[in-house]
Amino acid sequence: MAKTANQHVVPSGEGRWTVRSAGANRATKAFSTQVCAVNFARKIAKRNDSELFIHGRDGTIRDRESYGNDPCPPKDRK
């Protein structure tokens, strides 16, 4: 499904939030708020038909968003 690596919004040690591509050693960009980081990462994920993983302050995955063609869409569409 993904053309490029999935995007992760993760907390950094300085109280900031970073956007990282899966498997990358360095962050793509750092932000002062999680909201700003999520908005930036969402644009990348949509552009690349990949997934966005939003982590909480403790590092666990809090939310996940998929973009692009889903081969198994949910059946409960409105």
N, C-alpha and C. Protein backbone atom coordinates (compact mmCIF):
# COMPACT_ATOMS: atom_id res chain seq x y z
N MET A 1 0.82 -1.19 0.00
CA MET A 1 0.00 0.00 0.00
C MET A 1 0.86 1.25 0.00
N ALA A 2 1.85 1.31 0.85
CA ALA A 2 2.63 2.55 1.00
C ALA A 2 3.70 2.66 -0.07
N LYS A 3 3.81 3.85 -0.64
CA LYS A 3 4.86 4.13 -1.61
C LYS A 3 6.16 4.44 -0.87
N THR A 4 6.04 5.06 0.29
CA THR A 4 7.20 5.41 1.10
C THR A 4 6.95 4.97 2.53
N ALA A 5 7.90 5.26 3.36
CA ALA A 5 7.81 4.84 4.76
C ALA A 5 6.65 5.53 5.47
N ASN A 6 6.09 4.84 6.43
CA ASN A 6 5.04 5.42 7.25
C ASN A 6 5.60 6.54 8.11
N GLN A 7 4.72 7.45 8.53
CA GLN A 7 5.12 8.59 9.33
C GLN A 7 4.73 8.36 10.79
N HIS A 8 5.61 8.76 11.70
CA HIS A 8 5.36 8.62 13.13
C HIS A 8 5.54 9.98 13.80
N VAL A 9 4.57 10.36 14.63
CA VAL A 9 4.69 11.56 15.46
C VAL A 9 5.04 11.06 16.85
N VAL A 10 6.25 11.41 17.31
CA VAL A 10 6.75 10.88 18.58
C VAL A 10 7.28 12.01 19.46
N PRO A 11 7.20 11.83 20.78
CA PRO A 11 7.75 12.86 21.67
C PRO A 11 9.28 12.81 21.65
N SER A 12 9.89 13.98 21.77
CA SER A 12 11.35 14.03 21.86
C SER A 12 11.73 14.31 23.31
N GLY A 13 12.97 14.18 23.62
CA GLY A 13 13.43 14.36 24.99
C GLY A 13 13.33 15.77 25.52
N GLU A 14 13.18 16.75 24.66
CA GLU A 14 13.16 18.15 25.08
C GLU A 14 11.74 18.70 25.26
N GLY A 15 10.74 17.84 25.34
CA GLY A 15 9.37 18.30 25.47
C GLY A 15 8.76 18.73 24.15
N ARG A 16 9.44 18.42 23.07
CA ARG A 16 8.94 18.76 21.74
C ARG A 16 8.40 17.49 21.08
N TRP A 17 7.82 17.65 19.91
CA TRP A 17 7.29 16.53 19.14
C TRP A 17 8.00 16.47 17.80
N THR A 18 8.35 15.27 17.37
CA THR A 18 9.05 15.12 16.10
C THR A 18 8.27 14.23 15.15
N VAL A 19 8.48 14.47 13.87
CA VAL A 19 7.92 13.63 12.81
C VAL A 19 9.08 12.81 12.27
N ARG A 20 8.90 11.49 12.24
CA ARG A 20 9.95 10.60 11.74
C ARG A 20 9.35 9.64 10.72
N SER A 21 10.11 9.35 9.69
CA SER A 21 9.74 8.28 8.76
C SER A 21 10.16 6.97 9.40
N ALA A 22 9.38 5.93 9.17
CA ALA A 22 9.71 4.62 9.74
C ALA A 22 11.09 4.20 9.29
N GLY A 23 11.92 3.79 10.22
CA GLY A 23 13.27 3.33 9.93
C GLY A 23 14.32 4.41 9.83
N ALA A 24 13.92 5.67 9.95
CA ALA A 24 14.88 6.78 9.83
C ALA A 24 15.62 6.98 11.14
N ASN A 25 16.88 7.36 11.05
CA ASN A 25 17.68 7.64 12.24
C ASN A 25 17.42 9.03 12.79
N ARG A 26 17.09 9.96 11.90
CA ARG A 26 16.87 11.35 12.31
C ARG A 26 15.43 11.76 12.05
N ALA A 27 14.98 12.74 12.80
CA ALA A 27 13.63 13.26 12.62
C ALA A 27 13.55 14.08 11.34
N THR A 28 12.37 14.06 10.71
CA THR A 28 12.13 14.88 9.54
C THR A 28 12.03 16.34 9.95
N LYS A 29 11.29 16.59 11.06
CA LYS A 29 11.11 17.95 11.55
C LYS A 29 10.63 17.89 13.00
N ALA A 30 10.96 18.94 13.77
CA ALA A 30 10.54 19.03 15.18
C ALA A 30 9.56 20.18 15.35
N PHE A 31 8.62 20.01 16.29
CA PHE A 31 7.58 21.01 16.55
C PHE A 31 7.41 21.21 18.05
N SER A 32 6.87 22.36 18.41
CA SER A 32 6.64 22.65 19.83
C SER A 32 5.36 22.00 20.34
N THR A 33 4.41 21.68 19.44
CA THR A 33 3.16 21.04 19.87
C THR A 33 2.90 19.78 19.05
N GLN A 34 2.15 18.86 19.65
CA GLN A 34 1.80 17.64 18.95
C GLN A 34 0.85 17.94 17.79
N VAL A 35 -0.04 18.89 17.95
CA VAL A 35 -1.00 19.25 16.91
C VAL A 35 -0.28 19.68 15.63
N CYS A 36 0.72 20.53 15.77
CA CYS A 36 1.49 20.98 14.60
C CYS A 36 2.23 19.82 13.94
N ALA A 37 2.78 18.93 14.75
CA ALA A 37 3.50 17.77 14.22
C ALA A 37 2.55 16.84 13.47
N VAL A 38 1.37 16.62 14.02
CA VAL A 38 0.39 15.74 13.37
C VAL A 38 -0.06 16.34 12.04
N ASN A 39 -0.32 17.63 12.00
CA ASN A 39 -0.75 18.27 10.75
C ASN A 39 0.31 18.13 9.67
N PHE A 40 1.58 18.32 10.03
CA PHE A 40 2.68 18.19 9.08
C PHE A 40 2.80 16.74 8.60
N ALA A 41 2.77 15.79 9.53
CA ALA A 41 2.91 14.37 9.18
C ALA A 41 1.73 13.89 8.35
N ARG A 42 0.54 14.40 8.62
CA ARG A 42 -0.65 14.02 7.87
C ARG A 42 -0.51 14.41 6.39
N LYS A 43 0.05 15.58 6.14
CA LYS A 43 0.26 16.02 4.75
C LYS A 43 1.21 15.07 4.02
N ILE A 44 2.28 14.66 4.70
CA ILE A 44 3.24 13.72 4.09
C ILE A 44 2.57 12.38 3.82
N ALA A 45 1.83 11.86 4.81
CA ALA A 45 1.18 10.56 4.67
C ALA A 45 0.14 10.58 3.54
N LYS A 46 -0.63 11.64 3.44
CA LYS A 46 -1.62 11.74 2.36
C LYS A 46 -0.94 11.81 1.00
N ARG A 47 0.11 12.59 0.90
CA ARG A 47 0.83 12.75 -0.37
C ARG A 47 1.45 11.43 -0.83
N ASN A 48 1.89 10.61 0.11
CA ASN A 48 2.58 9.37 -0.22
C ASN A 48 1.73 8.11 -0.07
N ASP A 49 0.43 8.27 0.19
CA ASP A 49 -0.46 7.12 0.38
C ASP A 49 0.11 6.14 1.40
N SER A 50 0.53 6.66 2.53
CA SER A 50 1.11 5.83 3.58
C SER A 50 0.28 5.94 4.86
N GLU A 51 0.82 5.51 5.97
CA GLU A 51 0.11 5.55 7.24
C GLU A 51 0.76 6.53 8.19
N LEU A 52 -0.06 7.04 9.10
CA LEU A 52 0.40 7.97 10.13
C LEU A 52 0.14 7.32 11.48
N PHE A 53 1.18 7.24 12.29
CA PHE A 53 1.08 6.71 13.65
C PHE A 53 1.32 7.86 14.61
N ILE A 54 0.37 8.10 15.50
CA ILE A 54 0.48 9.18 16.48
C ILE A 54 0.75 8.54 17.84
N HIS A 55 1.89 8.85 18.42
CA HIS A 55 2.29 8.28 19.70
C HIS A 55 1.95 9.24 20.83
N GLY A 56 1.67 8.69 22.00
CA GLY A 56 1.43 9.50 23.19
C GLY A 56 2.75 9.87 23.85
N ARG A 57 2.66 10.61 24.95
CA ARG A 57 3.87 11.03 25.67
C ARG A 57 4.69 9.85 26.17
N ASP A 58 4.03 8.72 26.44
CA ASP A 58 4.75 7.54 26.93
C ASP A 58 5.33 6.69 25.79
N GLY A 59 5.11 7.11 24.54
CA GLY A 59 5.67 6.41 23.39
C GLY A 59 4.76 5.36 22.77
N THR A 60 3.66 5.02 23.43
CA THR A 60 2.75 4.02 22.86
C THR A 60 1.92 4.66 21.74
N ILE A 61 1.48 3.83 20.80
CA ILE A 61 0.68 4.33 19.69
C ILE A 61 -0.71 4.68 20.21
N ARG A 62 -1.08 5.93 20.04
CA ARG A 62 -2.36 6.45 20.51
C ARG A 62 -3.41 6.42 19.42
N ASP A 63 -2.98 6.64 18.16
CA ASP A 63 -3.92 6.69 17.04
C ASP A 63 -3.18 6.31 15.77
N ARG A 64 -3.95 5.86 14.79
CA ARG A 64 -3.37 5.44 13.51
C ARG A 64 -4.31 5.87 12.40
N GLU A 65 -3.76 6.48 11.36
CA GLU A 65 -4.56 6.93 10.22
C GLU A 65 -3.95 6.37 8.94
N SER A 66 -4.79 5.81 8.07
CA SER A 66 -4.33 5.25 6.81
C SER A 66 -4.81 6.11 5.66
N TYR A 67 -3.94 6.28 4.67
CA TYR A 67 -4.28 7.07 3.49
C TYR A 67 -3.95 6.25 2.25
N GLY A 68 -4.68 6.48 1.19
CA GLY A 68 -4.45 5.75 -0.04
C GLY A 68 -5.51 4.70 -0.26
N ASN A 69 -5.25 3.79 -1.18
CA ASN A 69 -6.19 2.75 -1.54
C ASN A 69 -6.14 1.63 -0.51
N ASP A 70 -7.25 1.40 0.17
CA ASP A 70 -7.34 0.34 1.18
C ASP A 70 -7.93 -0.90 0.53
N PRO A 71 -7.17 -1.99 0.40
CA PRO A 71 -7.69 -3.19 -0.24
C PRO A 71 -8.78 -3.89 0.58
N CYS A 72 -8.88 -3.58 1.86
CA CYS A 72 -9.91 -4.17 2.74
C CYS A 72 -10.64 -3.06 3.48
N PRO A 73 -11.48 -2.28 2.80
CA PRO A 73 -12.16 -1.18 3.47
C PRO A 73 -13.18 -1.69 4.48
N PRO A 74 -13.50 -0.91 5.50
CA PRO A 74 -14.50 -1.33 6.49
C PRO A 74 -15.87 -1.45 5.84
N LYS A 75 -16.67 -2.38 6.33
CA LYS A 75 -17.99 -2.62 5.75
C LYS A 75 -19.06 -1.70 6.32
N ASP A 76 -18.77 -0.99 7.40
CA ASP A 76 -19.77 -0.15 8.06
C ASP A 76 -19.72 1.29 7.57
N ARG A 77 -19.70 1.49 6.27
CA ARG A 77 -19.66 2.84 5.71
C ARG A 77 -21.01 3.52 5.88
N LYS A 78 -20.97 4.84 6.01
CA LYS A 78 -22.21 5.60 6.17
C LYS A 78 -22.70 6.10 4.84
